[in-house]
PDB file of N, CA and C in Angstrom:
ATOM      1  N   MET A   1      77.640  72.183 117.582  1.00  0.00           N
ATOM      2  CA  MET A   1      76.593  73.037 117.309  1.00  0.00           C
ATOM      3  C   MET A   1      76.955  74.219 116.658  1.00  0.00           C
ATOM      4  N   ALA A   2      76.384  74.589 115.573  1.00  0.00           N
ATOM      5  CA  ALA A   2      76.726  75.726 114.706  1.00  0.00           C
ATOM      6  C   ALA A   2      76.547  77.047 115.498  1.00  0.00           C
ATOM      7  N   GLU A   3      77.499  77.991 115.222  1.00  0.00           N
ATOM      8  CA  GLU A   3      77.438  79.247 115.876  1.00  0.00           C
ATOM      9  C   GLU A   3      76.357  80.156 114.894  1.00  0.00           C
ATOM     10  N   ALA A   4      75.706  81.076 115.773  1.00  0.00           N
ATOM     11  CA  ALA A   4      74.747  81.837 114.949  1.00  0.00           C
ATOM     12  C   ALA A   4      75.658  82.935 114.317  1.00  0.00           C
ATOM     13  N   PRO A   5      75.140  83.382 113.230  1.00  0.00           N
ATOM     14  CA  PRO A   5      75.872  84.402 112.446  1.00  0.00           C
ATOM     15  C   PRO A   5      76.120  85.783 113.198  1.00  0.00           C
ATOM     16  N   SER A   6      77.373  86.135 113.031  1.00  0.00           N
ATOM     17  CA  SER A   6      77.684  87.337 113.864  1.00  0.00           C
ATOM     18  C   SER A   6      76.918  88.610 113.302  1.00  0.00           C
ATOM     19  N   SER A   7      76.630  89.538 114.273  1.00  0.00           N
ATOM     20  CA  SER A   7      75.892  90.758 113.789  1.00  0.00           C
ATOM     21  C   SER A   7      77.076  91.899 113.633  1.00  0.00           C
ATOM     22  N   ARG A   8      78.250  91.378 113.601  1.00  0.00           N
ATOM     23  CA  ARG A   8      79.384  92.474 113.491  1.00  0.00           C
ATOM     24  C   ARG A   8      79.839  92.470 112.124  1.00  0.00           C
ATOM     25  N   CYS A   9      80.456  93.569 111.822  1.00  0.00           N
ATOM     26  CA  CYS A   9      81.077  93.791 110.449  1.00  0.00           C
ATOM     27  C   CYS A   9      82.434  94.429 110.741  1.00  0.00           C
ATOM     28  N   LEU A  10      83.214  94.209 109.600  1.00  0.00           N
ATOM     29  CA  LEU A  10      84.497  94.815 109.569  1.00  0.00           C
ATOM     30  C   LEU A  10      84.429  96.059 108.707  1.00  0.00           C
ATOM     31  N   LEU A  11      84.757  97.155 109.273  1.00  0.00           N
ATOM     32  CA  LEU A  11      84.647  98.540 108.666  1.00  0.00           C
ATOM     33  C   LEU A  11      85.997  98.949 108.262  1.00  0.00           C
ATOM     34  N   ILE A  12      86.348  99.236 107.017  1.00  0.00           N
ATOM     35  CA  ILE A  12      87.632  99.667 106.523  1.00  0.00           C
ATOM     36  C   ILE A  12      87.341 101.051 105.773  1.00  0.00           C
ATOM     37  N   LEU A  13      87.786 102.195 106.240  1.00  0.00           N
ATOM     38  CA  LEU A  13      87.688 103.445 105.705  1.00  0.00           C
ATOM     39  C   LEU A  13      89.067 104.080 105.305  1.00  0.00           C
ATOM     40  N   ILE A  14      89.283 104.764 104.241  1.00  0.00           N
ATOM     41  CA  ILE A  14      90.404 105.308 103.840  1.00  0.00           C
ATOM     42  C   ILE A  14      90.311 106.823 103.748  1.00  0.00           C
ATOM     43  N   ALA A  15      90.749 107.485 104.771  1.00  0.00           N
ATOM     44  CA  ALA A  15      90.901 109.010 104.691  1.00  0.00           C
ATOM     45  C   ALA A  15      91.854 109.474 103.831  1.00  0.00           C
ATOM     46  N   ARG A  16      91.542 110.109 102.601  1.00  0.00           N
ATOM     47  CA  ARG A  16      92.520 110.338 101.667  1.00  0.00           C
ATOM     48  C   ARG A  16      93.465 111.450 101.947  1.00  0.00           C
ATOM     49  N   ASN A  17      93.254 112.160 102.962  1.00  0.00           N
ATOM     50  CA  ASN A  17      94.284 113.349 103.371  1.00  0.00           C
ATOM     51  C   ASN A  17      93.904 113.859 104.786  1.00  0.00           C
ATOM     52  N   GLU A  18      94.835 114.568 105.239  1.00  0.00           N
ATOM     53  CA  GLU A  18      94.803 115.037 106.741  1.00  0.00           C
ATOM     54  C   GLU A  18      93.488 115.691 107.003  1.00  0.00           C
ATOM     55  N   GLU A  19      93.051 116.601 105.988  1.00  0.00           N
ATOM     56  CA  GLU A  19      91.885 117.442 106.235  1.00  0.00           C
ATOM     57  C   GLU A  19      90.718 116.536 106.302  1.00  0.00           C
ATOM     58  N   SER A  20      90.593 115.429 105.704  1.00  0.00           N
ATOM     59  CA  SER A  20      89.407 114.517 105.827  1.00  0.00           C
ATOM     60  C   SER A  20      89.561 113.559 106.970  1.00  0.00           C
ATOM     61  N   PHE A  21      90.580 113.394 107.671  1.00  0.00           N
ATOM     62  CA  PHE A  21      90.703 112.425 108.628  1.00  0.00           C
ATOM     63  C   PHE A  21      90.117 112.866 110.006  1.00  0.00           C
ATOM     64  N   ASP A  22      90.229 114.235 110.286  1.00  0.00           N
ATOM     65  CA  ASP A  22      89.774 114.707 111.643  1.00  0.00           C
ATOM     66  C   ASP A  22      88.151 114.644 111.614  1.00  0.00           C
ATOM     67  N   PRO A  23      87.475 115.072 110.661  1.00  0.00           N
ATOM     68  CA  PRO A  23      85.995 115.046 110.671  1.00  0.00           C
ATOM     69  C   PRO A  23      85.593 113.522 110.840  1.00  0.00           C
ATOM     70  N   LEU A  24      86.222 112.730 109.999  1.00  0.00           N
ATOM     71  CA  LEU A  24      85.888 111.283 110.030  1.00  0.00           C
ATOM     72  C   LEU A  24      86.095 110.569 111.228  1.00  0.00           C
ATOM     73  N   ALA A  25      87.087 110.839 112.020  1.00  0.00           N
ATOM     74  CA  ALA A  25      87.419 110.344 113.366  1.00  0.00           C
ATOM     75  C   ALA A  25      86.279 110.899 114.294  1.00  0.00           C
ATOM     76  N   THR A  26      86.070 112.042 114.029  1.00  0.00           N
ATOM     77  CA  THR A  26      84.960 112.694 115.069  1.00  0.00           C
ATOM     78  C   THR A  26      83.535 112.096 114.757  1.00  0.00           C
ATOM     79  N   GLY A  27      83.416 111.852 113.677  1.00  0.00           N
ATOM     80  CA  GLY A  27      82.053 111.228 113.167  1.00  0.00           C
ATOM     81  C   GLY A  27      81.862 109.911 113.629  1.00  0.00           C
ATOM     82  N   LEU A  28      82.962 109.045 113.648  1.00  0.00           N
ATOM     83  CA  LEU A  28      82.829 107.727 114.106  1.00  0.00           C
ATOM     84  C   LEU A  28      82.614 107.596 115.750  1.00  0.00           C
ATOM     85  N   LEU A  29      83.399 108.649 116.315  1.00  0.00           N
ATOM     86  CA  LEU A  29      82.991 108.705 117.707  1.00  0.00           C
ATOM     87  C   LEU A  29      81.715 109.087 117.902  1.00  0.00           C
ATOM     88  N   ASP A  30      81.060 109.978 117.233  1.00  0.00           N
ATOM     89  CA  ASP A  30      79.851 110.321 117.431  1.00  0.00           C
ATOM     90  C   ASP A  30      78.622 109.255 117.159  1.00  0.00           C
ATOM     91  N   VAL A  31      78.964 108.359 116.483  1.00  0.00           N
ATOM     92  CA  VAL A  31      77.999 107.228 116.108  1.00  0.00           C
ATOM     93  C   VAL A  31      78.283 106.055 117.031  1.00  0.00           C
ATOM     94  N   GLY A  32      79.359 106.239 118.012  1.00  0.00           N
ATOM     95  CA  GLY A  32      79.559 105.214 118.978  1.00  0.00           C
ATOM     96  C   GLY A  32      80.696 104.235 118.556  1.00  0.00           C
ATOM     97  N   ILE A  33      81.426 104.501 117.550  1.00  0.00           N
ATOM     98  CA  ILE A  33      82.633 103.561 117.279  1.00  0.00           C
ATOM     99  C   ILE A  33      83.823 104.269 117.985  1.00  0.00           C
ATOM    100  N   THR A  34      84.245 103.714 119.119  1.00  0.00           N
ATOM    101  CA  THR A  34      85.292 104.037 119.867  1.00  0.00           C
ATOM    102  C   THR A  34      86.508 103.446 119.686  1.00  0.00           C
ATOM    103  N   GLY A  35      86.669 102.236 119.084  1.00  0.00           N
ATOM    104  CA  GLY A  35      87.758 101.345 118.936  1.00  0.00           C
ATOM    105  C   GLY A  35      87.920 101.204 117.495  1.00  0.00           C
ATOM    106  N   ALA A  36      89.078 101.657 117.203  1.00  0.00           N
ATOM    107  CA  ALA A  36      89.428 101.565 115.788  1.00  0.00           C
ATOM    108  C   ALA A  36      91.145 101.502 115.689  1.00  0.00           C
ATOM    109  N   THR A  37      91.534 100.893 114.708  1.00  0.00           N
ATOM    110  CA  THR A  37      92.967 100.953 114.426  1.00  0.00           C
ATOM    111  C   THR A  37      93.300 101.974 113.382  1.00  0.00           C
ATOM    112  N   VAL A  38      94.137 102.814 113.502  1.00  0.00           N
ATOM    113  CA  VAL A  38      94.504 103.789 112.369  1.00  0.00           C
ATOM    114  C   VAL A  38      95.843 103.366 111.855  1.00  0.00           C
ATOM    115  N   VAL A  39      96.006 103.261 110.592  1.00  0.00           N
ATOM    116  CA  VAL A  39      97.246 102.891 109.882  1.00  0.00           C
ATOM    117  C   VAL A  39      97.581 103.937 108.950  1.00  0.00           C
ATOM    118  N   ASP A  40      98.730 104.652 109.073  1.00  0.00           N
ATOM    119  CA  ASP A  40      99.185 105.587 108.101  1.00  0.00           C
ATOM    120  C   ASP A  40      99.647 104.868 106.803  1.00  0.00           C
ATOM    121  N   SER A  41      99.248 105.549 105.606  1.00  0.00           N
ATOM    122  CA  SER A  41      99.493 104.771 104.259  1.00  0.00           C
ATOM    123  C   SER A  41     100.029 105.643 103.366  1.00  0.00           C
ATOM    124  N   LYS A  42     100.627 105.174 102.199  1.00  0.00           N
ATOM    125  CA  LYS A  42     101.030 105.853 101.115  1.00  0.00           C
ATOM    126  C   LYS A  42     100.238 105.436 100.098  1.00  0.00           C
ATOM    127  N   GLY A  43      99.866 106.410  99.232  1.00  0.00           N
ATOM    128  CA  GLY A  43      99.195 106.175  97.862  1.00  0.00           C
ATOM    129  C   GLY A  43     100.284 105.650  96.876  1.00  0.00           C
ATOM    130  N   LEU A  44      99.820 105.219  95.682  1.00  0.00           N
ATOM    131  CA  LEU A  44     100.606 104.605  94.715  1.00  0.00           C
ATOM    132  C   LEU A  44     101.347 105.747  94.148  1.00  0.00           C
ATOM    133  N   GLY A  45     100.780 106.971  94.001  1.00  0.00           N
ATOM    134  CA  GLY A  45     101.544 108.055  93.533  1.00  0.00           C
ATOM    135  C   GLY A  45     102.848 108.456  94.222  1.00  0.00           C
ATOM    136  N   ALA A  46     102.638 108.328  95.578  1.00  0.00           N
ATOM    137  CA  ALA A  46     103.994 108.722  96.387  1.00  0.00           C
ATOM    138  C   ALA A  46     105.021 107.434  96.201  1.00  0.00           C
ATOM    139  N   ILE A  47     104.693 106.279  96.025  1.00  0.00           N
ATOM    140  CA  ILE A  47     105.541 105.194  95.844  1.00  0.00           C
ATOM    141  C   ILE A  47     106.255 105.474  94.456  1.00  0.00           C
ATOM    142  N   ILE A  48     105.391 105.625  93.501  1.00  0.00           N
ATOM    143  CA  ILE A  48     106.104 105.976  92.229  1.00  0.00           C
ATOM    144  C   ILE A  48     106.960 107.142  92.191  1.00  0.00           C
ATOM    145  N   ARG A  49     106.535 108.190  92.916  1.00  0.00           N
ATOM    146  CA  ARG A  49     107.461 109.370  92.893  1.00  0.00           C
ATOM    147  C   ARG A  49     108.682 109.233  93.662  1.00  0.00           C
ATOM    148  N   GLU A  50     108.613 108.595  94.854  1.00  0.00           N
ATOM    149  CA  GLU A  50     109.685 108.281  95.645  1.00  0.00           C
ATOM    150  C   GLU A  50     110.625 107.121  95.483  1.00  0.00           C
ATOM    151  N   GLU A  51     110.131 106.113  94.973  1.00  0.00           N
ATOM    152  CA  GLU A  51     110.899 104.806  94.901  1.00  0.00           C
ATOM    153  C   GLU A  51     111.122 104.227  93.524  1.00  0.00           C
ATOM    154  N   MET A  52     110.415 104.825  92.442  1.00  0.00           N
ATOM    155  CA  MET A  52     110.452 104.259  91.103  1.00  0.00           C
ATOM    156  C   MET A  52     110.620 105.307  90.218  1.00  0.00           C
ATOM    157  N   PRO A  53     111.965 105.853  90.276  1.00  0.00           N
ATOM    158  CA  PRO A  53     112.385 107.061  89.397  1.00  0.00           C
ATOM    159  C   PRO A  53     112.214 106.689  87.916  1.00  0.00           C
ATOM    160  N   MET A  54     112.173 105.446  87.418  1.00  0.00           N
ATOM    161  CA  MET A  54     111.841 105.069  86.119  1.00  0.00           C
ATOM    162  C   MET A  54     110.491 105.505  85.680  1.00  0.00           C
ATOM    163  N   PHE A  55     109.637 105.908  86.485  1.00  0.00           N
ATOM    164  CA  PHE A  55     108.298 106.237  86.183  1.00  0.00           C
ATOM    165  C   PHE A  55     107.996 107.745  86.547  1.00  0.00           C
ATOM    166  N   ALA A  56     109.044 108.540  86.631  1.00  0.00           N
ATOM    167  CA  ALA A  56     108.994 110.039  87.027  1.00  0.00           C
ATOM    168  C   ALA A  56     108.138 110.755  86.165  1.00  0.00           C
ATOM    169  N   GLY A  57     108.079 110.334  84.852  1.00  0.00           N
ATOM    170  CA  GLY A  57     106.949 111.100  83.953  1.00  0.00           C
ATOM    171  C   GLY A  57     105.572 110.922  84.328  1.00  0.00           C
ATOM    172  N   LEU A  58     105.279 109.763  84.694  1.00  0.00           N
ATOM    173  CA  LEU A  58     103.984 109.254  85.033  1.00  0.00           C
ATOM    174  C   LEU A  58     103.620 109.947  86.441  1.00  0.00           C
ATOM    175  N   ALA A  59     104.585 110.113  87.289  1.00  0.00           N
ATOM    176  CA  ALA A  59     104.369 110.808  88.512  1.00  0.00           C
ATOM    177  C   ALA A  59     103.785 112.251  88.367  1.00  0.00           C
ATOM    178  N   ALA A  60     104.178 112.848  87.301  1.00  0.00           N
ATOM    179  CA  ALA A  60     103.574 114.228  87.175  1.00  0.00           C
ATOM    180  C   ALA A  60     102.128 114.279  86.855  1.00  0.00           C
ATOM    181  N   LEU A  61     101.587 113.106  86.399  1.00  0.00           N
ATOM    182  CA  LEU A  61     100.133 112.974  86.159  1.00  0.00           C
ATOM    183  C   LEU A  61      99.430 112.787  87.373  1.00  0.00           C
ATOM    184  N   LEU A  62     100.063 112.460  88.413  1.00  0.00           N
ATOM    185  CA  LEU A  62      99.315 111.896  89.634  1.00  0.00           C
ATOM    186  C   LEU A  62      99.226 113.032  90.614  1.00  0.00           C
ATOM    187  N   PRO A  63      98.247 113.038  91.474  1.00  0.00           N
ATOM    188  CA  PRO A  63      98.066 114.123  92.582  1.00  0.00           C
ATOM    189  C   PRO A  63      99.334 114.192  93.491  1.00  0.00           C
ATOM    190  N   ARG A  64      99.624 115.289  93.755  1.00  0.00           N
ATOM    191  CA  ARG A  64     101.000 115.496  94.787  1.00  0.00           C
ATOM    192  C   ARG A  64     100.650 114.905  96.064  1.00  0.00           C
ATOM    193  N   GLU A  65      99.431 115.108  96.683  1.00  0.00           N
ATOM    194  CA  GLU A  65      99.241 114.616  98.007  1.00  0.00           C
ATOM    195  C   GLU A  65      98.742 113.200  97.822  1.00  0.00           C
ATOM    196  N   THR A  66      99.413 112.302  98.360  1.00  0.00           N
ATOM    197  CA  THR A  66      99.219 110.898  98.066  1.00  0.00           C
ATOM    198  C   THR A  66      99.070 110.172  99.507  1.00  0.00           C
ATOM    199  N   GLY A  67      99.287 110.694 100.598  1.00  0.00           N
ATOM    200  CA  GLY A  67      99.292 110.117 101.959  1.00  0.00           C
ATOM    201  C   GLY A  67      97.817 109.751 102.307  1.00  0.00           C
ATOM    202  N   SER A  68      97.587 108.905 103.021  1.00  0.00           N
ATOM    203  CA  SER A  68      96.216 108.572 103.644  1.00  0.00           C
ATOM    204  C   SER A  68      96.258 107.927 105.032  1.00  0.00           C
ATOM    205  N   ARG A  69      95.140 107.758 105.650  1.00  0.00           N
ATOM    206  CA  ARG A  69      95.176 107.044 106.792  1.00  0.00           C
ATOM    207  C   ARG A  69      93.826 105.986 106.630  1.00  0.00           C
ATOM    208  N   ILE A  70      94.281 104.848 107.056  1.00  0.00           N
ATOM    209  CA  ILE A  70      93.094 103.654 106.949  1.00  0.00           C
ATOM    210  C   ILE A  70      92.756 103.465 108.413  1.00  0.00           C
ATOM    211  N   LEU A  71      91.447 103.433 108.548  1.00  0.00           N
ATOM    212  CA  LEU A  71      90.599 103.270 109.917  1.00  0.00           C
ATOM    213  C   LEU A  71      89.934 101.819 109.635  1.00  0.00           C
ATOM    214  N   ILE A  72      90.443 100.847 110.751  1.00  0.00           N
ATOM    215  CA  ILE A  72      89.920  99.629 110.677  1.00  0.00           C
ATOM    216  C   ILE A  72      89.042  99.536 112.039  1.00  0.00           C
ATOM    217  N   SER A  73      87.794  98.822 112.005  1.00  0.00           N
ATOM    218  CA  SER A  73      87.032  98.627 113.107  1.00  0.00           C
ATOM    219  C   SER A  73      86.139  97.434 112.959  1.00  0.00           C
ATOM    220  N   VAL A  74      86.065  96.652 113.990  1.00  0.00           N
ATOM    221  CA  VAL A  74      85.061  95.698 114.040  1.00  0.00           C
ATOM    222  C   VAL A  74      83.891  96.316 114.723  1.00  0.00           C
ATOM    223  N   THR A  75      82.747  96.461 114.149  1.00  0.00           N
ATOM    224  CA  THR A  75      81.494  97.103 114.882  1.00  0.00           C
ATOM    225  C   THR A  75      80.220  96.359 114.419  1.00  0.00           C
ATOM    226  N   THR A  76      79.138  96.871 114.988  1.00  0.00           N
ATOM    227  CA  THR A  76      77.962  96.322 114.651  1.00  0.00           C
ATOM    228  C   THR A  76      77.202  96.807 113.556  1.00  0.00           C
ATOM    229  N   ARG A  77      76.345  95.920 112.855  1.00  0.00           N
ATOM    230  CA  ARG A  77      75.597  96.477 111.712  1.00  0.00           C
ATOM    231  C   ARG A  77      74.817  97.860 111.904  1.00  0.00           C
ATOM    232  N   ASP A  78      74.257  97.830 113.017  1.00  0.00           N
ATOM    233  CA  ASP A  78      73.477  99.120 113.238  1.00  0.00           C
ATOM    234  C   ASP A  78      74.348 100.364 113.244  1.00  0.00           C
ATOM    235  N   ARG A  79      75.648 100.175 113.829  1.00  0.00           N
ATOM    236  CA  ARG A  79      76.650 101.338 113.682  1.00  0.00           C
ATOM    237  C   ARG A  79      76.986 101.723 112.307  1.00  0.00           C
ATOM    238  N   ILE A  80      77.053 100.600 111.314  1.00  0.00           N
ATOM    239  CA  ILE A  80      77.386 100.723 110.075  1.00  0.00           C
ATOM    240  C   ILE A  80      76.434 101.655 109.276  1.00  0.00           C
ATOM    241  N   GLU A  81      75.246 101.565 109.674  1.00  0.00           N
ATOM    242  CA  GLU A  81      74.202 102.319 109.078  1.00  0.00           C
ATOM    243  C   GLU A  81      74.315 103.750 109.442  1.00  0.00           C
ATOM    244  N   ALA A  82      74.683 103.999 110.750  1.00  0.00           N
ATOM    245  CA  ALA A  82      74.965 105.355 111.157  1.00  0.00           C
ATOM    246  C   ALA A  82      76.003 106.107 110.568  1.00  0.00           C
ATOM    247  N   VAL A  83      77.309 105.207 110.308  1.00  0.00           N
ATOM    248  CA  VAL A  83      78.624 105.741 109.629  1.00  0.00           C
ATOM    249  C   VAL A  83      78.084 106.017 108.251  1.00  0.00           C
ATOM    250  N   ARG A  84      77.245 105.235 107.481  1.00  0.00           N
ATOM    251  CA  ARG A  84      76.828 105.398 106.202  1.00  0.00           C
ATOM    252  C   ARG A  84      76.121 106.726 106.054  1.00  0.00           C
ATOM    253  N   ALA A  85      75.229 107.164 107.031  1.00  0.00           N
ATOM    254  CA  ALA A  85      74.511 108.394 106.944  1.00  0.00           C
ATOM    255  C   ALA A  85      75.438 109.528 107.134  1.00  0.00           C
ATOM    256  N   PHE A  86      76.413 109.374 108.293  1.00  0.00           N
ATOM    257  CA  PHE A  86      77.310 110.359 108.524  1.00  0.00           C
ATOM    258  C   PHE A  86      78.149 110.647 107.234  1.00  0.00           C
ATOM    259  N   ILE A  87      78.679 109.720 106.525  1.00  0.00           N
ATOM    260  CA  ILE A  87      79.556 109.891 105.481  1.00  0.00           C
ATOM    261  C   ILE A  87      78.832 110.497 104.313  1.00  0.00           C
ATOM    262  N   GLU A  88      77.522 110.244 104.124  1.00  0.00           N
ATOM    263  CA  GLU A  88      76.714 110.921 103.073  1.00  0.00           C
ATOM    264  C   GLU A  88      76.618 112.463 103.329  1.00  0.00           C
ATOM    265  N   GLU A  89      76.660 112.761 104.587  1.00  0.00           N
ATOM    266  CA  GLU A  89      76.530 114.241 105.058  1.00  0.00           C
ATOM    267  C   GLU A  89      77.900 114.887 104.820  1.00  0.00           C
ATOM    268  N   MET A  90      79.066 114.292 104.715  1.00  0.00           N
ATOM    269  CA  MET A  90      80.420 114.959 104.503  1.00  0.00           C
ATOM    270  C   MET A  90      80.244 115.649 103.219  1.00  0.00           C
ATOM    271  N   LYS A  91      81.223 116.581 103.097  1.00  0.00           N
ATOM    272  CA  LYS A  91      81.492 117.213 101.971  1.00  0.00           C
ATOM    273  C   LYS A  91      82.181 116.153 101.009  1.00  0.00           C
ATOM    274  N   PRO A  92      81.930 116.382  99.642  1.00  0.00           N
ATOM    275  CA  PRO A  92      82.350 115.376  98.569  1.00  0.00           C
ATOM    276  C   PRO A  92      83.860 115.165  98.708  1.00  0.00           C
ATOM    277  N   GLY A  93      84.736 116.166  98.815  1.00  0.00           N
ATOM    278  CA  GLY A  93      86.203 116.148  98.912  1.00  0.00           C
ATOM    279  C   GLY A  93      86.621 115.491 100.313  1.00  0.00           C
ATOM    280  N   GLN A  94      85.938 115.343 101.340  1.00  0.00           N
ATOM    281  CA  GLN A  94      86.271 114.793 102.552  1.00  0.00           C
ATOM    282  C   GLN A  94      85.742 113.331 102.669  1.00  0.00           C
ATOM    283  N   ARG A  95      85.018 112.889 102.046  1.00  0.00           N
ATOM    284  CA  ARG A  95      84.420 111.521 102.228  1.00  0.00           C
ATOM    285  C   ARG A  95      85.439 110.523 101.947  1.00  0.00           C
ATOM    286  N   PRO A  96      85.544 109.540 102.796  1.00  0.00           N
ATOM    287  CA  PRO A  96      86.456 108.423 102.678  1.00  0.00           C
ATOM    288  C   PRO A  96      85.992 107.441 101.629  1.00  0.00           C
ATOM    289  N   ILE A  97      87.072 106.756 101.203  1.00  0.00           N
ATOM    290  CA  ILE A  97      86.655 105.416 100.498  1.00  0.00           C
ATOM    291  C   ILE A  97      86.631 104.372 101.483  1.00  0.00           C
ATOM    292  N   GLY A  98      85.473 103.386 101.362  1.00  0.00           N
ATOM    293  CA  GLY A  98      85.328 102.475 102.398  1.00  0.00           C
ATOM    294  C   GLY A  98      84.812 101.280 101.918  1.00  0.00           C
ATOM    295  N   ALA A  99      84.772 100.146 102.748  1.00  0.00           N
ATOM    296  CA  ALA A  99      84.226  98.909 102.578  1.00  0.00           C
ATOM    297  C   ALA A  99      83.710  98.388 103.778  1.00  0.00           C
ATOM    298  N   VAL A 100      82.600  97.467 103.775  1.00  0.00           N
ATOM    299  CA  VAL A 100      82.094  96.912 105.038  1.00  0.00           C
ATOM    300  C   VAL A 100      82.047  95.371 104.572  1.00  0.00           C
ATOM    301  N   LEU A 101      82.676  94.537 105.482  1.00  0.00           N
ATOM    302  CA  LEU A 101      82.680  93.120 105.240  1.00  0.00           C
ATOM    303  C   LEU A 101      82.017  92.318 106.370  1.00  0.00           C
ATOM    304  N   PRO A 102      81.200  91.362 106.158  1.00  0.00           N
ATOM    305  CA  PRO A 102      80.654  90.542 107.211  1.00  0.00           C
ATOM    306  C   PRO A 102      81.650  89.841 108.048  1.00  0.00           C
ATOM    307  N   VAL A 103      81.498  89.698 109.224  1.00  0.00           N
ATOM    308  CA  VAL A 103      82.445  88.947 110.057  1.00  0.00           C
ATOM    309  C   VAL A 103      81.854  87.763 110.567  1.00  0.00           C
ATOM    310  N   GLU A 104      82.139  86.586 110.322  1.00  0.00           N
ATOM    311  CA  GLU A 104      81.930  85.237 110.663  1.00  0.00           C
ATOM    312  C   GLU A 104      81.882  85.142 112.165  1.00  0.00           C
ATOM    313  N   SER A 105      82.926  85.378 112.732  1.00  0.00           N
ATOM    314  CA  SER A 105      83.009  85.418 114.480  1.00  0.00           C
ATOM    315  C   SER A 105      84.144  86.269 114.599  1.00  0.00           C
ATOM    316  N   THR A 106      84.356  86.562 116.030  1.00  0.00           N
ATOM    317  CA  THR A 106      85.487  87.408 116.576  1.00  0.00           C
ATOM    318  C   THR A 106      86.309  86.733 117.632  1.00  0.00           C
ATOM    319  N   LEU A 107      87.367  87.204 117.925  1.00  0.00           N
ATOM    320  CA  LEU A 107      88.372  86.787 118.999  1.00  0.00           C
ATOM    321  C   LEU A 107      88.622  87.924 119.770  1.00  0.00           C
ATOM    322  N   GLY A 108      88.618  87.759 121.032  1.00  0.00           N
ATOM    323  CA  GLY A 108      88.965  88.903 121.890  1.00  0.00           C
ATOM    324  C   GLY A 108      88.143  89.896 122.261  1.00  0.00           C
ATOM    325  N   LEU A 109      87.025  89.857 121.651  1.00  0.00           N
ATOM    326  CA  LEU A 109      85.909  90.932 121.925  1.00  0.00           C
ATOM    327  C   LEU A 109      84.967  90.381 122.917  1.00  0.00           C
ATOM    328  N   PRO A 110      84.113  91.250 123.651  1.00  0.00           N
ATOM    329  CA  PRO A 110      83.104  90.647 124.409  1.00  0.00           C
ATOM    330  C   PRO A 110      81.984  90.086 123.684  1.00  0.00           C
ATOM    331  N   ASP A 111      81.123  89.160 124.190  1.00  0.00           N
ATOM    332  CA  ASP A 111      80.129  88.496 123.479  1.00  0.00           C
ATOM    333  C   ASP A 111      79.129  89.525 123.159  1.00  0.00           C
ATOM    334  N   GLU A 112      78.382  89.287 122.028  1.00  0.00           N
ATOM    335  CA  GLU A 112      77.358  90.106 121.395  1.00  0.00           C
ATOM    336  C   GLU A 112      76.084  89.767 122.234  1.00  0.00           C
ATOM    337  N   SER A 113      75.555  90.681 122.990  1.00  0.00           N
ATOM    338  CA  SER A 113      74.332  90.332 123.634  1.00  0.00           C
ATOM    339  C   SER A 113      73.476  91.574 123.788  1.00  0.00           C
TER     340      SER A 113
END
C-alpha cells in the first residue's frame, strides 16, 4: 500500500553572521520550531583566505566576515509559512538564505496526526 505524501518539509537556513543568528533562532522558537540542528560553517572567503594562499589577492575582494551557522529542521508545511512571514519582517542584513524541500517520509519522528 502506498504511503500518503508527508506534510513535512526540510527547512535549511543559513545565518550569515552571529548578529543574524540570535534573532533567527528566537523567531524559529516563536513559530513553534523547537527541534533543529545547528552546524557552524565557513564561507568560501574564509577558506580561500586561510587555506589557499595562492588566491590571496582574490581574498581581498571578499567580505572579511565569512562564518555562518546552518539551521536544519524537519517541520510541517504550516510552520514553513510562519517562518517565511517571520523572515520577511527581519531587517534585510539579518535575513538568512534558505531553502525548503519536501520530505517524502521520515524516520525516528512521531507520526503526523
